[in-house]
Amino acid sequence: MKDSQPLTAHAIVDFVVLTKGVPIRITDAPGRGLGGRRPSLDSYLAALDYDKMPGAKSIRLSDSGFTGTAWANRFWNAPEPFTHAKYGGYLVTRLDGYTGADARALTTRALAAEQLGRPPANGKVLLDTCPAFGYADRRSQPRSVTSDSGELNFNEYNADMQRAADILRSRSMPVELTQTDVFAGKRTGLLGYVSWGSNDRHFDADAYHSLRFAPGAVGETAVSTSARTFLPTQGGQSLIADLITQGVAGVKGYTDEPLLQAVASPSILFDRYTRGWTLAESFYAASRFVGWEDIVIGDPLCRAYQARRK
């Protein structure tokens, strides 16, 4: 692939950073993305050279008439930090937001977190489940998903949040796991955040916009088009651009319908991040696909926690 040559000439490159103003989608990408035509640019770059790698698995995604093609992420749930030499592809993140100031603030927050050396003592991770979707067995989470095993059930994502809470509590890290119909808001100093965003049956836009974050905080929302734009807009599903304005250091979103199985696993994300992995490693280890609709926001080298052996 001609577009990969500048990168493959530098074998030690593991991370790629895109900035505000770089397009978020590719039209007519060969064989990849939504309906085989329109992946995010970020995720397409993350899968560069997968087509040349022995054992790389192409995944045909289908649910309720929707179809698309992605690559199974070779770094999914990996036991050790990323290298291009071992896993192939790249960990691609983006510095973006509604304004240039929002984009630049992402690096400032990463540096502030690293200089602090530990998360603020009064902070917590907020995991906001939606009880209307039910709860699967948390012990079976996260489930590896391919086109053969079908789409995730909504109760499995709730259970993955429960599993993330178990992991954080086992490390004596403060966590709030909500299991009520009230959409959580009015929290400050958050160390992390996961919710169903506007897909929550009781979504409250004012509550969503009231959330505030500590330096180094990361988050995810199970929302199909949460990264459809980084320009001010009206209507539609909730956007991760709002969380960037509200102080998050890293967050994952989707340019177009990714299906729930593409949304980052909360338990893997917070397990890796609180073990001292970088922001990029944590999000990509938690993500099942590349060459798809994903966008990871933040300084890829942001590291808010000291490294742990386990």
Protein backbone atom coordinates (compact mmCIF):
# COMPACT_ATOMS: atom_id res chain seq x y z
CA MET A 1 0.00 0.00 0.00
CA LYS A 2 1.61 3.26 -1.10
CA ASP A 3 0.08 5.20 1.80
CA SER A 4 1.96 3.08 4.36
CA GLN A 5 5.45 3.55 2.93
CA PRO A 6 6.46 6.62 5.00
CA LEU A 7 5.61 4.71 8.19
CA THR A 8 7.09 1.35 7.26
CA ALA A 9 10.36 3.13 6.51
CA HIS A 10 10.56 3.81 10.27
CA ALA A 11 10.06 0.48 12.01
CA ILE A 12 10.28 1.91 15.53
CA VAL A 13 7.11 4.01 15.12
CA ASP A 14 4.30 2.71 17.37
CA PHE A 15 2.04 5.77 17.79
CA VAL A 16 0.49 8.18 15.29
CA VAL A 17 -1.16 11.47 16.32
CA LEU A 18 -3.64 13.37 14.14
CA THR A 19 -4.71 16.94 14.85
CA LYS A 20 -7.72 19.17 14.46
CA GLY A 21 -8.44 19.90 10.80
CA VAL A 22 -7.43 16.46 9.55
CA PRO A 23 -10.51 14.72 8.03
CA ILE A 24 -12.19 12.10 10.20
CA ARG A 25 -13.49 9.79 7.41
CA ILE A 26 -12.26 8.16 4.23
CA THR A 27 -14.67 7.76 1.32
CA ASP A 28 -14.39 4.67 -0.91
CA ALA A 29 -11.64 3.03 1.15
CA PRO A 30 -10.92 -0.33 -0.51
CA GLY A 31 -12.87 -3.05 1.28
CA ARG A 32 -13.08 -1.40 4.68
CA GLY A 33 -15.60 0.31 6.91
CA LEU A 34 -19.28 1.13 6.73
CA GLY A 35 -20.78 -0.92 3.95
CA GLY A 36 -17.18 -1.55 2.89
CA ARG A 37 -16.68 2.10 1.93
CA ARG A 38 -16.20 4.67 4.71
CA PRO A 39 -14.09 3.92 7.81
CA SER A 40 -12.68 6.61 10.07
CA LEU A 41 -9.28 7.81 8.88
CA ASP A 42 -7.86 7.09 12.34
CA SER A 43 -8.93 3.45 12.44
CA TYR A 44 -7.89 2.91 8.81
CA LEU A 45 -4.36 4.08 9.68
CA ALA A 46 -4.38 1.84 12.77
CA ALA A 47 -4.80 -1.17 10.46
CA LEU A 48 -2.10 -0.24 7.92
CA ASP A 49 -0.38 -3.37 6.58
CA TYR A 50 -2.88 -5.76 8.21
CA ASP A 51 -3.59 -6.97 4.67
CA LYS A 52 0.02 -8.20 4.45
CA MET A 53 0.18 -9.87 7.86
CA PRO A 54 -0.12 -13.65 8.17
CA GLY A 55 -3.01 -14.49 10.47
CA ALA A 56 -4.73 -11.10 10.28
CA LYS A 57 -8.47 -11.77 10.32
CA SER A 58 -11.01 -9.81 8.30
CA ILE A 59 -14.38 -9.56 10.05
CA ARG A 60 -17.72 -9.15 8.31
CA LEU A 61 -20.08 -7.36 10.71
CA SER A 62 -23.82 -7.67 10.32
CA ASP A 63 -26.80 -6.78 12.50
CA SER A 64 -30.41 -5.96 11.58
CA GLY A 65 -29.55 -5.43 7.93
CA PHE A 66 -26.42 -3.36 8.66
CA THR A 67 -23.19 -4.74 7.21
CA GLY A 68 -19.57 -3.63 7.22
CA THR A 69 -16.01 -4.97 7.17
CA ALA A 70 -13.25 -4.50 9.74
CA TRP A 71 -10.07 -6.20 10.91
CA ALA A 72 -9.95 -8.11 14.18
CA ASN A 73 -7.62 -6.02 16.34
CA ARG A 74 -4.46 -8.06 16.97
CA PHE A 75 -3.83 -6.02 20.14
CA TRP A 76 -7.29 -6.76 21.63
CA ASN A 77 -6.94 -7.73 25.35
CA ALA A 78 -3.16 -8.02 24.95
CA PRO A 79 -1.17 -8.96 28.08
CA GLU A 80 1.74 -6.57 27.46
CA PRO A 81 2.20 -3.03 26.08
CA PHE A 82 2.10 -2.40 22.35
CA THR A 83 4.86 -2.51 19.77
CA HIS A 84 4.33 -2.26 16.04
CA ALA A 85 6.97 -4.92 15.54
CA LYS A 86 4.95 -7.53 17.44
CA TYR A 87 1.33 -6.61 16.71
CA GLY A 88 1.44 -4.72 13.43
CA GLY A 89 -0.62 -1.66 12.70
CA TYR A 90 -0.33 1.51 14.78
CA LEU A 91 -1.99 3.11 17.78
CA VAL A 92 -3.59 6.21 16.31
CA THR A 93 -5.08 9.00 18.42
CA ARG A 94 -6.32 12.48 17.64
CA LEU A 95 -6.10 15.92 19.27
CA ASP A 96 -9.47 17.47 18.45
CA GLY A 97 -12.45 19.27 19.89
CA TYR A 98 -14.86 22.10 19.15
CA THR A 99 -12.01 24.61 19.18
CA GLY A 100 -8.26 24.68 18.78
CA ALA A 101 -8.04 25.46 22.49
CA ASP A 102 -9.97 22.27 23.28
CA ALA A 103 -7.55 20.24 21.15
CA ARG A 104 -4.45 21.81 22.74
CA ALA A 105 -5.88 21.28 26.23
CA LEU A 106 -5.67 17.51 25.76
CA THR A 107 -1.87 17.63 25.89
CA THR A 108 -1.95 20.04 28.84
CA ARG A 109 -4.15 17.62 30.77
CA ALA A 110 -1.85 14.71 29.96
CA LEU A 111 1.20 16.61 31.23
CA ALA A 112 -0.68 17.71 34.36
CA ALA A 113 -1.61 14.11 35.13
CA GLU A 114 1.96 12.89 34.68
CA GLN A 115 3.39 15.69 36.82
CA LEU A 116 0.90 14.91 39.57
CA GLY A 117 2.13 11.30 39.52
CA ARG A 118 -1.07 9.90 40.96
CA PRO A 119 -4.80 10.56 40.58
CA PRO A 120 -6.35 13.17 42.91
CA ALA A 121 -7.41 11.59 46.21
CA ASN A 122 -10.92 13.05 46.03
CA GLY A 123 -11.66 11.78 42.51
CA LYS A 124 -13.58 8.71 41.37
CA VAL A 125 -14.50 6.76 38.26
CA LEU A 126 -18.20 7.01 37.31
CA LEU A 127 -19.74 3.96 35.62
CA ASP A 128 -23.37 4.76 34.76
CA THR A 129 -25.32 1.67 33.72
CA CYS A 130 -28.85 1.61 32.28
CA PRO A 131 -30.96 -0.88 34.30
CA ALA A 132 -33.58 -1.08 31.54
CA PHE A 133 -31.08 -3.12 29.48
CA GLY A 134 -30.56 -5.71 32.22
CA TYR A 135 -27.33 -7.29 33.47
CA ALA A 136 -25.53 -10.36 32.15
CA ASP A 137 -23.04 -12.36 34.22
CA ARG A 138 -20.17 -9.98 34.92
CA ARG A 139 -17.78 -12.91 35.33
CA SER A 140 -18.09 -13.67 31.61
CA GLN A 141 -17.03 -10.17 30.58
CA PRO A 142 -15.59 -8.94 28.34
CA ARG A 143 -16.66 -11.30 25.60
CA SER A 144 -14.50 -11.58 22.52
CA VAL A 145 -16.75 -10.95 19.54
CA THR A 146 -16.38 -11.88 15.90
CA SER A 147 -18.85 -12.03 13.05
CA ASP A 148 -19.39 -15.69 13.97
CA SER A 149 -20.57 -15.00 17.53
CA GLY A 150 -22.82 -12.07 16.73
CA GLU A 151 -23.50 -8.65 18.20
CA LEU A 152 -23.17 -7.97 21.92
CA ASN A 153 -26.33 -7.89 23.96
CA PHE A 154 -26.92 -4.61 25.80
CA ASN A 155 -26.94 -6.45 29.13
CA GLU A 156 -23.36 -7.53 28.46
CA TYR A 157 -22.13 -3.94 28.29
CA ASN A 158 -23.84 -3.20 31.61
CA ALA A 159 -22.10 -6.28 33.02
CA ASP A 160 -18.75 -5.12 31.65
CA MET A 161 -19.18 -1.90 33.62
CA GLN A 162 -19.87 -4.00 36.72
CA ARG A 163 -16.70 -5.98 36.01
CA ALA A 164 -14.74 -2.73 35.67
CA ALA A 165 -16.05 -1.63 39.08
CA ASP A 166 -14.88 -4.93 40.59
CA ILE A 167 -11.38 -4.43 39.18
CA LEU A 168 -11.12 -0.86 40.44
CA ARG A 169 -12.39 -1.77 43.91
CA SER A 170 -9.87 -4.62 44.14
CA ARG A 171 -7.17 -1.94 43.72
CA SER A 172 -8.77 0.31 46.34
CA MET A 173 -9.62 2.87 43.69
CA PRO A 174 -12.74 5.00 44.19
CA VAL A 175 -15.56 4.10 41.85
CA GLU A 176 -19.27 4.93 41.63
CA LEU A 177 -21.34 2.28 39.86
CA THR A 178 -24.86 3.59 39.31
CA GLN A 179 -27.67 1.09 38.77
CA THR A 180 -30.72 3.36 38.92
CA ASP A 181 -32.91 4.96 36.27
CA VAL A 182 -31.45 8.41 37.00
CA PHE A 183 -28.87 9.51 34.44
CA ALA A 184 -25.86 10.58 36.51
CA GLY A 185 -24.70 14.18 36.40
CA LYS A 186 -23.29 16.99 38.55
CA ARG A 187 -20.03 15.14 39.27
CA THR A 188 -16.69 16.94 39.43
CA GLY A 189 -13.10 15.73 39.56
CA LEU A 190 -13.96 12.49 37.75
CA LEU A 191 -11.04 10.13 37.09
CA GLY A 192 -12.98 8.18 34.46
CA TYR A 193 -16.41 7.84 32.92
CA VAL A 194 -18.53 5.28 31.04
CA SER A 195 -22.21 5.54 30.18
CA TRP A 196 -24.77 4.87 27.46
CA GLY A 197 -24.88 8.59 26.70
CA SER A 198 -27.98 9.50 24.70
CA ASN A 199 -28.80 5.78 24.30
CA ASP A 200 -29.70 5.63 27.99
CA ARG A 201 -33.48 5.30 28.37
CA HIS A 202 -33.37 8.20 30.86
CA PHE A 203 -30.69 10.34 29.22
CA ASP A 204 -30.50 13.88 30.57
CA ALA A 205 -28.53 16.28 28.38
CA ASP A 206 -28.09 18.79 31.23
CA ALA A 207 -26.67 16.06 33.46
CA TYR A 208 -24.30 14.93 30.69
CA HIS A 209 -23.06 18.48 30.18
CA SER A 210 -22.58 18.99 33.94
CA LEU A 211 -19.81 16.37 34.25
CA ARG A 212 -16.29 17.65 34.99
CA PHE A 213 -12.99 15.75 34.94
CA ALA A 214 -9.64 15.60 36.71
CA PRO A 215 -6.35 15.68 34.74
CA GLY A 216 -5.73 12.35 33.01
CA ALA A 217 -9.36 11.19 33.09
CA VAL A 218 -10.50 8.83 30.32
CA GLY A 219 -13.97 7.83 29.19
CA GLU A 220 -16.25 6.04 26.74
CA THR A 221 -19.93 6.21 25.80
CA ALA A 222 -21.90 3.48 24.05
CA VAL A 223 -23.19 5.87 21.38
CA SER A 224 -23.11 5.03 17.67
CA THR A 225 -22.16 8.44 16.27
CA SER A 226 -20.49 10.12 19.24
CA ALA A 227 -17.57 11.28 17.04
CA ARG A 228 -19.59 12.11 13.91
CA THR A 229 -18.36 15.71 14.16
CA PHE A 230 -16.06 17.96 16.18
CA LEU A 231 -17.84 21.09 15.01
CA PRO A 232 -20.59 22.83 17.01
CA THR A 233 -23.90 21.26 16.01
CA GLN A 234 -27.52 20.86 17.07
CA GLY A 235 -29.53 17.67 17.53
CA GLY A 236 -28.57 14.05 17.10
CA GLN A 237 -26.86 11.69 19.54
CA SER A 238 -24.60 12.85 22.36
CA LEU A 239 -21.07 13.86 21.34
CA ILE A 240 -17.69 13.18 22.93
CA ALA A 241 -16.67 16.70 21.88
CA ASP A 242 -18.70 17.93 24.86
CA LEU A 243 -16.69 15.74 27.23
CA ILE A 244 -13.48 17.21 25.78
CA THR A 245 -14.76 20.72 26.54
CA GLN A 246 -15.70 19.50 30.04
CA GLY A 247 -12.14 18.40 30.82
CA VAL A 248 -11.61 14.77 29.83
CA ALA A 249 -8.06 13.86 28.73
CA GLY A 250 -9.00 10.87 26.60
CA VAL A 251 -12.22 9.47 25.17
CA LYS A 252 -13.33 7.14 22.38
CA GLY A 253 -16.06 7.75 19.81
CA TYR A 254 -17.38 6.64 16.41
CA THR A 255 -17.85 8.45 13.11
CA ASP A 256 -20.68 6.15 11.97
CA GLU A 257 -22.56 3.08 13.25
CA PRO A 258 -19.91 0.72 14.75
CA LEU A 259 -22.24 -1.79 16.51
CA LEU A 260 -21.93 -2.26 20.27
CA GLN A 261 -19.16 -4.83 19.95
CA ALA A 262 -16.82 -2.08 18.68
CA VAL A 263 -17.27 0.07 21.79
CA ALA A 264 -14.29 -0.16 24.16
CA SER A 265 -14.58 -2.69 26.97
CA PRO A 266 -14.76 -0.74 30.26
CA SER A 267 -13.09 -3.52 32.24
CA ILE A 268 -10.08 -3.77 29.92
CA LEU A 269 -9.80 0.02 29.52
CA PHE A 270 -9.60 0.72 33.25
CA ASP A 271 -7.60 -2.40 34.07
CA ARG A 272 -4.83 -1.36 31.66
CA TYR A 273 -4.95 2.38 32.31
CA THR A 274 -4.77 2.05 36.10
CA ARG A 275 -1.88 -0.41 35.68
CA GLY A 276 0.19 2.36 34.15
CA TRP A 277 -0.34 1.71 30.45
CA THR A 278 -0.55 4.69 28.15
CA LEU A 279 -3.85 6.17 27.07
CA ALA A 280 -3.47 4.78 23.53
CA GLU A 281 -2.51 1.29 24.70
CA SER A 282 -5.44 1.18 27.10
CA PHE A 283 -8.07 2.20 24.55
CA TYR A 284 -6.73 -0.07 21.80
CA ALA A 285 -6.36 -3.10 24.09
CA ALA A 286 -10.04 -2.55 24.95
CA SER A 287 -11.17 -2.31 21.30
CA ARG A 288 -12.03 -5.35 19.21
CA PHE A 289 -11.58 -3.90 15.71
CA VAL A 290 -9.36 -1.67 13.59
CA GLY A 291 -10.04 -0.40 10.10
CA TRP A 292 -13.50 0.50 11.37
CA GLU A 293 -15.38 3.59 12.66
CA ASP A 294 -13.33 4.29 15.82
CA ILE A 295 -11.66 7.53 16.91
CA VAL A 296 -9.51 7.71 20.06
CA ILE A 297 -9.04 11.22 21.42
CA GLY A 298 -6.05 12.27 23.52
CA ASP A 299 -2.27 12.36 23.85
CA PRO A 300 -1.31 8.74 23.10
CA LEU A 301 1.49 8.76 25.70
CA CYS A 302 -0.67 10.14 28.53
CA ARG A 303 0.03 8.03 31.61
CA ALA A 304 -1.90 9.03 34.75
CA TYR A 305 -0.93 6.02 36.92
CA GLN A 306 2.30 4.46 38.06
CA ALA A 307 3.10 1.13 36.44
CA ARG A 308 1.86 -1.97 38.28
CA ARG A 309 3.24 -5.46 37.94
CA LYS A 310 -0.21 -7.04 37.93
